[in-house]
PDB file of N, CA and C in Angstrom:
ATOM      1  N   MET A   1      46.014 -17.397   7.210  1.00  0.00           N
ATOM      2  CA  MET A   1      44.740 -18.066   7.110  1.00  0.00           C
ATOM      3  C   MET A   1      44.702 -19.316   7.985  1.00  0.00           C
ATOM      4  N   VAL A   2      45.739 -20.132   7.915  1.00  0.00           N
ATOM      5  CA  VAL A   2      45.822 -21.350   8.714  1.00  0.00           C
ATOM      6  C   VAL A   2      45.913 -21.011  10.194  1.00  0.00           C
ATOM      7  N   TYR A   3      46.637 -19.929  10.511  1.00  0.00           N
ATOM      8  CA  TYR A   3      46.777 -19.504  11.894  1.00  0.00           C
ATOM      9  C   TYR A   3      45.413 -19.108  12.478  1.00  0.00           C
ATOM     10  N   SER A   4      44.604 -18.390  11.702  1.00  0.00           N
ATOM     11  CA  SER A   4      43.305 -17.970  12.202  1.00  0.00           C
ATOM     12  C   SER A   4      42.365 -19.158  12.413  1.00  0.00           C
ATOM     13  N   ILE A   5      42.460 -20.168  11.570  1.00  0.00           N
ATOM     14  CA  ILE A   5      41.648 -21.374  11.755  1.00  0.00           C
ATOM     15  C   ILE A   5      42.068 -22.105  13.030  1.00  0.00           C
ATOM     16  N   LYS A   6      43.372 -22.185  13.254  1.00  0.00           N
ATOM     17  CA  LYS A   6      43.866 -22.810  14.490  1.00  0.00           C
ATOM     18  C   LYS A   6      43.433 -22.022  15.705  1.00  0.00           C
ATOM     19  N   LEU A   7      43.437 -20.696  15.580  1.00  0.00           N
ATOM     20  CA  LEU A   7      43.016 -19.848  16.683  1.00  0.00           C
ATOM     21  C   LEU A   7      41.529 -20.083  17.002  1.00  0.00           C
ATOM     22  N   TYR A   8      40.699 -20.114  15.972  1.00  0.00           N
ATOM     23  CA  TYR A   8      39.268 -20.399  16.174  1.00  0.00           C
ATOM     24  C   TYR A   8      39.052 -21.771  16.780  1.00  0.00           C
ATOM     25  N   LYS A   9      39.815 -22.756  16.324  1.00  0.00           N
ATOM     26  CA  LYS A   9      39.690 -24.104  16.854  1.00  0.00           C
ATOM     27  C   LYS A   9      40.087 -24.129  18.328  1.00  0.00           C
ATOM     28  N   THR A  10      41.143 -23.418  18.674  1.00  0.00           N
ATOM     29  CA  THR A  10      41.577 -23.348  20.076  1.00  0.00           C
ATOM     30  C   THR A  10      40.535 -22.664  20.942  1.00  0.00           C
ATOM     31  N   ILE A  11      39.976 -21.583  20.457  1.00  0.00           N
ATOM     32  CA  ILE A  11      38.940 -20.855  21.216  1.00  0.00           C
ATOM     33  C   ILE A  11      37.719 -21.741  21.419  1.00  0.00           C
ATOM     34  N   ILE A  12      37.291 -22.427  20.365  1.00  0.00           N
ATOM     35  CA  ILE A  12      36.126 -23.314  20.468  1.00  0.00           C
ATOM     36  C   ILE A  12      36.392 -24.453  21.432  1.00  0.00           C
ATOM     37  N   ASN A  13      37.598 -25.021  21.376  1.00  0.00           N
ATOM     38  CA  ASN A  13      37.946 -26.111  22.292  1.00  0.00           C
ATOM     39  C   ASN A  13      37.935 -25.620  23.753  1.00  0.00           C
ATOM     40  N   LYS A  14      38.470 -24.450  23.993  1.00  0.00           N
ATOM     41  CA  LYS A  14      38.480 -23.912  25.364  1.00  0.00           C
ATOM     42  C   LYS A  14      37.056 -23.640  25.869  1.00  0.00           C
ATOM     43  N   GLU A  15      36.210 -23.105  25.009  1.00  0.00           N
ATOM     44  CA  GLU A  15      34.820 -22.836  25.411  1.00  0.00           C
ATOM     45  C   GLU A  15      34.050 -24.124  25.666  1.00  0.00           C
ATOM     46  N   MET A  16      34.295 -25.126  24.833  1.00  0.00           N
ATOM     47  CA  MET A  16      33.636 -26.420  25.037  1.00  0.00           C
ATOM     48  C   MET A  16      34.107 -27.052  26.357  1.00  0.00           C
ATOM     49  N   GLN A  17      35.400 -26.915  26.632  1.00  0.00           N
ATOM     50  CA  GLN A  17      35.949 -27.453  27.871  1.00  0.00           C
ATOM     51  C   GLN A  17      35.320 -26.756  29.078  1.00  0.00           C
ATOM     52  N   ARG A  18      35.198 -25.431  29.014  1.00  0.00           N
ATOM     53  CA  ARG A  18      34.586 -24.690  30.104  1.00  0.00           C
ATOM     54  C   ARG A  18      33.118 -25.067  30.258  1.00  0.00           C
ATOM     55  N   PHE A  19      32.417 -25.217  29.140  1.00  0.00           N
ATOM     56  CA  PHE A  19      31.006 -25.586  29.159  1.00  0.00           C
ATOM     57  C   PHE A  19      30.816 -26.950  29.826  1.00  0.00           C
ATOM     58  N   PHE A  20      31.606 -27.945  29.409  1.00  0.00           N
ATOM     59  CA  PHE A  20      31.457 -29.282  29.968  1.00  0.00           C
ATOM     60  C   PHE A  20      31.922 -29.359  31.418  1.00  0.00           C
ATOM     61  N   THR A  21      32.933 -28.576  31.772  1.00  0.00           N
ATOM     62  CA  THR A  21      33.368 -28.531  33.164  1.00  0.00           C
ATOM     63  C   THR A  21      32.249 -28.011  34.053  1.00  0.00           C
ATOM     64  N   TYR A  22      31.584 -26.976  33.611  1.00  0.00           N
ATOM     65  CA  TYR A  22      30.449 -26.408  34.348  1.00  0.00           C
ATOM     66  C   TYR A  22      29.344 -27.439  34.490  1.00  0.00           C
ATOM     67  N   ARG A  23      28.995 -28.116  33.401  1.00  0.00           N
ATOM     68  CA  ARG A  23      27.929 -29.114  33.430  1.00  0.00           C
ATOM     69  C   ARG A  23      28.264 -30.284  34.352  1.00  0.00           C
ATOM     70  N   VAL A  24      29.490 -30.767  34.281  1.00  0.00           N
ATOM     71  CA  VAL A  24      29.894 -31.879  35.138  1.00  0.00           C
ATOM     72  C   VAL A  24      29.881 -31.446  36.597  1.00  0.00           C
ATOM     73  N   ASN A  25      30.286 -30.227  36.866  1.00  0.00           N
ATOM     74  CA  ASN A  25      30.276 -29.698  38.243  1.00  0.00           C
ATOM     75  C   ASN A  25      28.842 -29.681  38.778  1.00  0.00           C
ATOM     76  N   ILE A  26      27.905 -29.176  37.990  1.00  0.00           N
ATOM     77  CA  ILE A  26      26.493 -29.124  38.415  1.00  0.00           C
ATOM     78  C   ILE A  26      25.958 -30.534  38.609  1.00  0.00           C
ATOM     79  N   LEU A  27      26.229 -31.429  37.692  1.00  0.00           N
ATOM     80  CA  LEU A  27      25.752 -32.801  37.777  1.00  0.00           C
ATOM     81  C   LEU A  27      26.323 -33.516  39.002  1.00  0.00           C
ATOM     82  N   SER A  28      27.594 -33.358  39.242  1.00  0.00           N
ATOM     83  CA  SER A  28      28.217 -34.030  40.405  1.00  0.00           C
ATOM     84  C   SER A  28      27.680 -33.445  41.709  1.00  0.00           C
ATOM     85  N   GLY A  29      27.403 -32.148  41.742  1.00  0.00           N
ATOM     86  CA  GLY A  29      26.795 -31.561  42.934  1.00  0.00           C
ATOM     87  C   GLY A  29      25.403 -32.111  43.192  1.00  0.00           C
ATOM     88  N   CYS A  30      24.619 -32.257  42.153  1.00  0.00           N
ATOM     89  CA  CYS A  30      23.258 -32.825  42.299  1.00  0.00           C
ATOM     90  C   CYS A  30      23.323 -34.279  42.737  1.00  0.00           C
ATOM     91  N   LEU A  31      24.220 -35.056  42.144  1.00  0.00           N
ATOM     92  CA  LEU A  31      24.337 -36.454  42.518  1.00  0.00           C
ATOM     93  C   LEU A  31      24.825 -36.625  43.968  1.00  0.00           C
ATOM     94  N   THR A  32      25.739 -35.759  44.390  1.00  0.00           N
ATOM     95  CA  THR A  32      26.200 -35.801  45.772  1.00  0.00           C
ATOM     96  C   THR A  32      25.093 -35.470  46.727  1.00  0.00           C
ATOM     97  N   ALA A  33      24.304 -34.449  46.402  1.00  0.00           N
ATOM     98  CA  ALA A  33      23.183 -34.077  47.248  1.00  0.00           C
ATOM     99  C   ALA A  33      22.156 -35.202  47.344  1.00  0.00           C
ATOM    100  N   LEU A  34      21.863 -35.843  46.223  1.00  0.00           N
ATOM    101  CA  LEU A  34      20.919 -36.953  46.232  1.00  0.00           C
ATOM    102  C   LEU A  34      21.461 -38.141  47.030  1.00  0.00           C
ATOM    103  N   PHE A  35      22.739 -38.399  46.902  1.00  0.00           N
ATOM    104  CA  PHE A  35      23.353 -39.499  47.672  1.00  0.00           C
ATOM    105  C   PHE A  35      23.265 -39.198  49.166  1.00  0.00           C
ATOM    106  N   MET A  36      23.578 -37.984  49.555  1.00  0.00           N
ATOM    107  CA  MET A  36      23.506 -37.622  50.986  1.00  0.00           C
ATOM    108  C   MET A  36      22.084 -37.692  51.501  1.00  0.00           C
ATOM    109  N   LEU A  37      21.112 -37.267  50.684  1.00  0.00           N
ATOM    110  CA  LEU A  37      19.708 -37.364  51.087  1.00  0.00           C
ATOM    111  C   LEU A  37      19.314 -38.817  51.263  1.00  0.00           C
ATOM    112  N   GLY A  38      19.749 -39.675  50.342  1.00  0.00           N
ATOM    113  CA  GLY A  38      19.451 -41.103  50.463  1.00  0.00           C
ATOM    114  C   GLY A  38      20.095 -41.726  51.684  1.00  0.00           C
ATOM    115  N   ALA A  39      21.333 -41.346  51.967  1.00  0.00           N
ATOM    116  CA  ALA A  39      22.027 -41.870  53.149  1.00  0.00           C
ATOM    117  C   ALA A  39      21.320 -41.399  54.425  1.00  0.00           C
ATOM    118  N   ARG A  40      20.930 -40.151  54.449  1.00  0.00           N
ATOM    119  CA  ARG A  40      20.202 -39.628  55.619  1.00  0.00           C
ATOM    120  C   ARG A  40      18.860 -40.333  55.793  1.00  0.00           C
ATOM    121  N   TYR A  41      18.172 -40.566  54.677  1.00  0.00           N
ATOM    122  CA  TYR A  41      16.893 -41.260  54.717  1.00  0.00           C
ATOM    123  C   TYR A  41      17.075 -42.680  55.271  1.00  0.00           C
ATOM    124  N   ALA A  42      18.095 -43.379  54.796  1.00  0.00           N
ATOM    125  CA  ALA A  42      18.347 -44.742  55.284  1.00  0.00           C
ATOM    126  C   ALA A  42      18.673 -44.732  56.772  1.00  0.00           C
ATOM    127  N   LEU A  43      19.414 -43.736  57.215  1.00  0.00           N
ATOM    128  CA  LEU A  43      19.726 -43.625  58.638  1.00  0.00           C
ATOM    129  C   LEU A  43      18.476 -43.430  59.465  1.00  0.00           C
ATOM    130  N   TRP A  44      17.609 -42.543  58.988  1.00  0.00           N
ATOM    131  CA  TRP A  44      16.393 -42.270  59.765  1.00  0.00           C
ATOM    132  C   TRP A  44      15.421 -43.449  59.738  1.00  0.00           C
ATOM    133  N   VAL A  45      15.353 -44.164  58.611  1.00  0.00           N
ATOM    134  CA  VAL A  45      14.512 -45.369  58.545  1.00  0.00           C
ATOM    135  C   VAL A  45      15.017 -46.394  59.539  1.00  0.00           C
ATOM    136  N   ALA A  46      16.313 -46.560  59.612  1.00  0.00           N
ATOM    137  CA  ALA A  46      16.892 -47.504  60.579  1.00  0.00           C
ATOM    138  C   ALA A  46      16.602 -47.066  62.010  1.00  0.00           C
ATOM    139  N   LEU A  47      16.711 -45.781  62.270  1.00  0.00           N
ATOM    140  CA  LEU A  47      16.447 -45.261  63.612  1.00  0.00           C
ATOM    141  C   LEU A  47      14.986 -45.471  64.005  1.00  0.00           C
ATOM    142  N   PHE A  48      14.077 -45.176  63.073  1.00  0.00           N
ATOM    143  CA  PHE A  48      12.676 -45.339  63.391  1.00  0.00           C
ATOM    144  C   PHE A  48      12.271 -46.807  63.476  1.00  0.00           C
ATOM    145  N   ALA A  49      12.984 -47.685  62.802  1.00  0.00           N
ATOM    146  CA  ALA A  49      12.694 -49.135  62.875  1.00  0.00           C
ATOM    147  C   ALA A  49      13.029 -49.692  64.247  1.00  0.00           C
ATOM    148  N   THR A  50      14.019 -49.091  64.927  1.00  0.00           N
ATOM    149  CA  THR A  50      14.385 -49.547  66.270  1.00  0.00           C
ATOM    150  C   THR A  50      13.477 -48.968  67.346  1.00  0.00           C
ATOM    151  N   GLY A  51      12.657 -47.961  66.984  1.00  0.00           N
ATOM    152  CA  GLY A  51      11.751 -47.385  67.959  1.00  0.00           C
ATOM    153  C   GLY A  51      12.379 -46.312  68.831  1.00  0.00           C
ATOM    154  N   ASN A  52      13.500 -45.745  68.412  1.00  0.00           N
ATOM    155  CA  ASN A  52      14.194 -44.738  69.211  1.00  0.00           C
ATOM    156  C   ASN A  52      13.815 -43.307  68.820  1.00  0.00           C
ATOM    157  N   ALA A  53      12.696 -43.118  68.172  1.00  0.00           N
ATOM    158  CA  ALA A  53      12.273 -41.788  67.759  1.00  0.00           C
ATOM    159  C   ALA A  53      11.429 -41.154  68.857  1.00  0.00           C
ATOM    160  N   ALA A  54      11.746 -39.931  69.202  1.00  0.00           N
ATOM    161  CA  ALA A  54      11.072 -39.254  70.332  1.00  0.00           C
ATOM    162  C   ALA A  54       9.795 -38.559  69.860  1.00  0.00           C
ATOM    163  N   GLN A  55       8.693 -39.274  69.856  1.00  0.00           N
ATOM    164  CA  GLN A  55       7.374 -38.714  69.568  1.00  0.00           C
ATOM    165  C   GLN A  55       7.277 -37.968  68.246  1.00  0.00           C
ATOM    166  N   SER A  56       7.952 -38.433  67.226  1.00  0.00           N
ATOM    167  CA  SER A  56       7.833 -37.828  65.901  1.00  0.00           C
ATOM    168  C   SER A  56       7.794 -38.933  64.864  1.00  0.00           C
ATOM    169  N   SER A  57       7.161 -38.610  63.740  1.00  0.00           N
ATOM    170  CA  SER A  57       7.054 -39.608  62.677  1.00  0.00           C
ATOM    171  C   SER A  57       8.226 -39.460  61.690  1.00  0.00           C
ATOM    172  N   LEU A  58       8.392 -40.473  60.861  1.00  0.00           N
ATOM    173  CA  LEU A  58       9.439 -40.409  59.847  1.00  0.00           C
ATOM    174  C   LEU A  58       9.183 -39.269  58.866  1.00  0.00           C
ATOM    175  N   LEU A  59       7.926 -39.059  58.489  1.00  0.00           N
ATOM    176  CA  LEU A  59       7.587 -37.977  57.560  1.00  0.00           C
ATOM    177  C   LEU A  59       7.922 -36.620  58.167  1.00  0.00           C
ATOM    178  N   GLU A  60       7.612 -36.409  59.432  1.00  0.00           N
ATOM    179  CA  GLU A  60       7.948 -35.144  60.089  1.00  0.00           C
ATOM    180  C   GLU A  60       9.461 -34.915  60.119  1.00  0.00           C
ATOM    181  N   THR A  61      10.191 -35.965  60.422  1.00  0.00           N
ATOM    182  CA  THR A  61      11.646 -35.861  60.516  1.00  0.00           C
ATOM    183  C   THR A  61      12.262 -35.540  59.171  1.00  0.00           C
ATOM    184  N   MET A  62      11.832 -36.243  58.115  1.00  0.00           N
ATOM    185  CA  MET A  62      12.384 -35.990  56.797  1.00  0.00           C
ATOM    186  C   MET A  62      12.002 -34.603  56.284  1.00  0.00           C
ATOM    187  N   THR A  63      10.771 -34.160  56.559  1.00  0.00           N
ATOM    188  CA  THR A  63      10.367 -32.809  56.170  1.00  0.00           C
ATOM    189  C   THR A  63      11.242 -31.765  56.854  1.00  0.00           C
ATOM    190  N   TYR A  64      11.513 -31.978  58.133  1.00  0.00           N
ATOM    191  CA  TYR A  64      12.374 -31.057  58.878  1.00  0.00           C
ATOM    192  C   TYR A  64      13.756 -30.979  58.229  1.00  0.00           C
ATOM    193  N   PHE A  65      14.348 -32.107  57.909  1.00  0.00           N
ATOM    194  CA  PHE A  65      15.697 -32.084  57.362  1.00  0.00           C
ATOM    195  C   PHE A  65      15.768 -31.507  55.953  1.00  0.00           C
ATOM    196  N   VAL A  66      14.751 -31.740  55.143  1.00  0.00           N
ATOM    197  CA  VAL A  66      14.742 -31.136  53.808  1.00  0.00           C
ATOM    198  C   VAL A  66      14.640 -29.624  53.924  1.00  0.00           C
ATOM    199  N   ILE A  67      13.714 -29.151  54.764  1.00  0.00           N
ATOM    200  CA  ILE A  67      13.563 -27.692  54.955  1.00  0.00           C
ATOM    201  C   ILE A  67      14.836 -27.101  55.590  1.00  0.00           C
ATOM    202  N   TYR A  68      15.426 -27.822  56.539  1.00  0.00           N
ATOM    203  CA  TYR A  68      16.662 -27.372  57.167  1.00  0.00           C
ATOM    204  C   TYR A  68      17.787 -27.199  56.145  1.00  0.00           C
ATOM    205  N   ASP A  69      17.930 -28.170  55.250  1.00  0.00           N
ATOM    206  CA  ASP A  69      18.980 -28.073  54.225  1.00  0.00           C
ATOM    207  C   ASP A  69      18.755 -26.873  53.314  1.00  0.00           C
ATOM    208  N   ILE A  70      17.507 -26.620  52.944  1.00  0.00           N
ATOM    209  CA  ILE A  70      17.221 -25.479  52.070  1.00  0.00           C
ATOM    210  C   ILE A  70      17.516 -24.169  52.783  1.00  0.00           C
ATOM    211  N   VAL A  71      17.081 -24.046  54.026  1.00  0.00           N
ATOM    212  CA  VAL A  71      17.318 -22.807  54.774  1.00  0.00           C
ATOM    213  C   VAL A  71      18.797 -22.626  55.060  1.00  0.00           C
ATOM    214  N   ALA A  72      19.503 -23.703  55.392  1.00  0.00           N
ATOM    215  CA  ALA A  72      20.951 -23.602  55.642  1.00  0.00           C
ATOM    216  C   ALA A  72      21.688 -23.140  54.397  1.00  0.00           C
ATOM    217  N   ASP A  73      21.288 -23.640  53.225  1.00  0.00           N
ATOM    218  CA  ASP A  73      21.923 -23.230  51.980  1.00  0.00           C
ATOM    219  C   ASP A  73      21.675 -21.747  51.714  1.00  0.00           C
ATOM    220  N   ILE A  74      20.472 -21.296  51.970  1.00  0.00           N
ATOM    221  CA  ILE A  74      20.155 -19.861  51.785  1.00  0.00           C
ATOM    222  C   ILE A  74      20.950 -19.013  52.754  1.00  0.00           C
ATOM    223  N   ARG A  75      21.060 -19.444  53.990  1.00  0.00           N
ATOM    224  CA  ARG A  75      21.811 -18.684  54.999  1.00  0.00           C
ATOM    225  C   ARG A  75      23.306 -18.601  54.645  1.00  0.00           C
ATOM    226  N   VAL A  76      23.859 -19.685  54.137  1.00  0.00           N
ATOM    227  CA  VAL A  76      25.270 -19.686  53.739  1.00  0.00           C
ATOM    228  C   VAL A  76      25.507 -18.631  52.669  1.00  0.00           C
ATOM    229  N   ARG A  77      24.604 -18.538  51.725  1.00  0.00           N
ATOM    230  CA  ARG A  77      24.746 -17.557  50.642  1.00  0.00           C
ATOM    231  C   ARG A  77      24.518 -16.143  51.150  1.00  0.00           C
ATOM    232  N   GLU A  78      23.592 -15.939  52.072  1.00  0.00           N
ATOM    233  CA  GLU A  78      23.327 -14.590  52.602  1.00  0.00           C
ATOM    234  C   GLU A  78      24.502 -14.061  53.411  1.00  0.00           C
ATOM    235  N   ILE A  79      25.066 -14.880  54.258  1.00  0.00           N
ATOM    236  CA  ILE A  79      26.136 -14.445  55.159  1.00  0.00           C
ATOM    237  C   ILE A  79      27.440 -14.274  54.395  1.00  0.00           C
ATOM    238  N   GLY A  80      27.611 -14.967  53.290  1.00  0.00           N
ATOM    239  CA  GLY A  80      28.834 -14.867  52.525  1.00  0.00           C
ATOM    240  C   GLY A  80      29.789 -16.005  52.818  1.00  0.00           C
ATOM    241  N   LEU A  81      29.312 -17.031  53.502  1.00  0.00           N
ATOM    242  CA  LEU A  81      30.164 -18.162  53.791  1.00  0.00           C
ATOM    243  C   LEU A  81      30.500 -18.940  52.540  1.00  0.00           C
ATOM    244  N   ASP A  82      29.715 -18.742  51.506  1.00  0.00           N
ATOM    245  CA  ASP A  82      29.965 -19.446  50.249  1.00  0.00           C
ATOM    246  C   ASP A  82      31.354 -19.106  49.716  1.00  0.00           C
ATOM    247  N   ASP A  83      31.724 -17.833  49.796  1.00  0.00           N
ATOM    248  CA  ASP A  83      33.071 -17.413  49.341  1.00  0.00           C
ATOM    249  C   ASP A  83      34.150 -18.032  50.213  1.00  0.00           C
ATOM    250  N   ILE A  84      33.915 -18.080  51.507  1.00  0.00           N
ATOM    251  CA  ILE A  84      34.895 -18.649  52.421  1.00  0.00           C
ATOM    252  C   ILE A  84      35.079 -20.137  52.116  1.00  0.00           C
ATOM    253  N   LEU A  85      33.959 -20.848  51.909  1.00  0.00           N
ATOM    254  CA  LEU A  85      34.031 -22.271  51.586  1.00  0.00           C
ATOM    255  C   LEU A  85      34.756 -22.515  50.286  1.00  0.00           C
ATOM    256  N   LYS A  86      34.533 -21.658  49.290  1.00  0.00           N
ATOM    257  CA  LYS A  86      35.217 -21.821  48.002  1.00  0.00           C
ATOM    258  C   LYS A  86      36.721 -21.616  48.179  1.00  0.00           C
ATOM    259  N   ASN A  87      37.127 -20.652  49.016  1.00  0.00           N
ATOM    260  CA  ASN A  87      38.544 -20.429  49.286  1.00  0.00           C
ATOM    261  C   ASN A  87      39.166 -21.621  50.016  1.00  0.00           C
ATOM    262  N   ILE A  88      38.410 -22.210  50.928  1.00  0.00           N
ATOM    263  CA  ILE A  88      38.934 -23.372  51.647  1.00  0.00           C
ATOM    264  C   ILE A  88      39.106 -24.543  50.684  1.00  0.00           C
ATOM    265  N   TYR A  89      38.107 -24.785  49.844  1.00  0.00           N
ATOM    266  CA  TYR A  89      38.220 -25.892  48.881  1.00  0.00           C
ATOM    267  C   TYR A  89      39.338 -25.649  47.878  1.00  0.00           C
ATOM    268  N   ALA A  90      39.590 -24.393  47.541  1.00  0.00           N
ATOM    269  CA  ALA A  90      40.660 -24.075  46.572  1.00  0.00           C
ATOM    270  C   ALA A  90      42.033 -24.107  47.223  1.00  0.00           C
ATOM    271  N   GLY A  91      42.080 -24.192  48.565  1.00  0.00           N
ATOM    272  CA  GLY A  91      43.381 -24.253  49.262  1.00  0.00           C
ATOM    273  C   GLY A  91      44.022 -22.925  49.484  1.00  0.00           C
ATOM    274  N   ARG A  92      43.217 -21.874  49.504  1.00  0.00           N
ATOM    275  CA  ARG A  92      43.784 -20.522  49.717  1.00  0.00           C
ATOM    276  C   ARG A  92      43.701 -20.136  51.173  1.00  0.00           C
TER     277      ARG A  92
END
């Protein structure tokens, strides 16, 4: 009886660990993406403040980069580079 309670406790602990690991992974990915978007935005604001933009507005440039990021993410998943990137990050 005590063994089965310990087994259930172990299973629940493992599932909770997996659940929170998944959530933290998603949250950290979102925060990283937002940070990179903010850094890119600051870079482009600085570039446009100096007047070095070639006949385009800040809104056009930011729209291009947001759409580019979305399309690049879709292409990575279509081609299968996502698996390659995961193997590289895992050190395989």
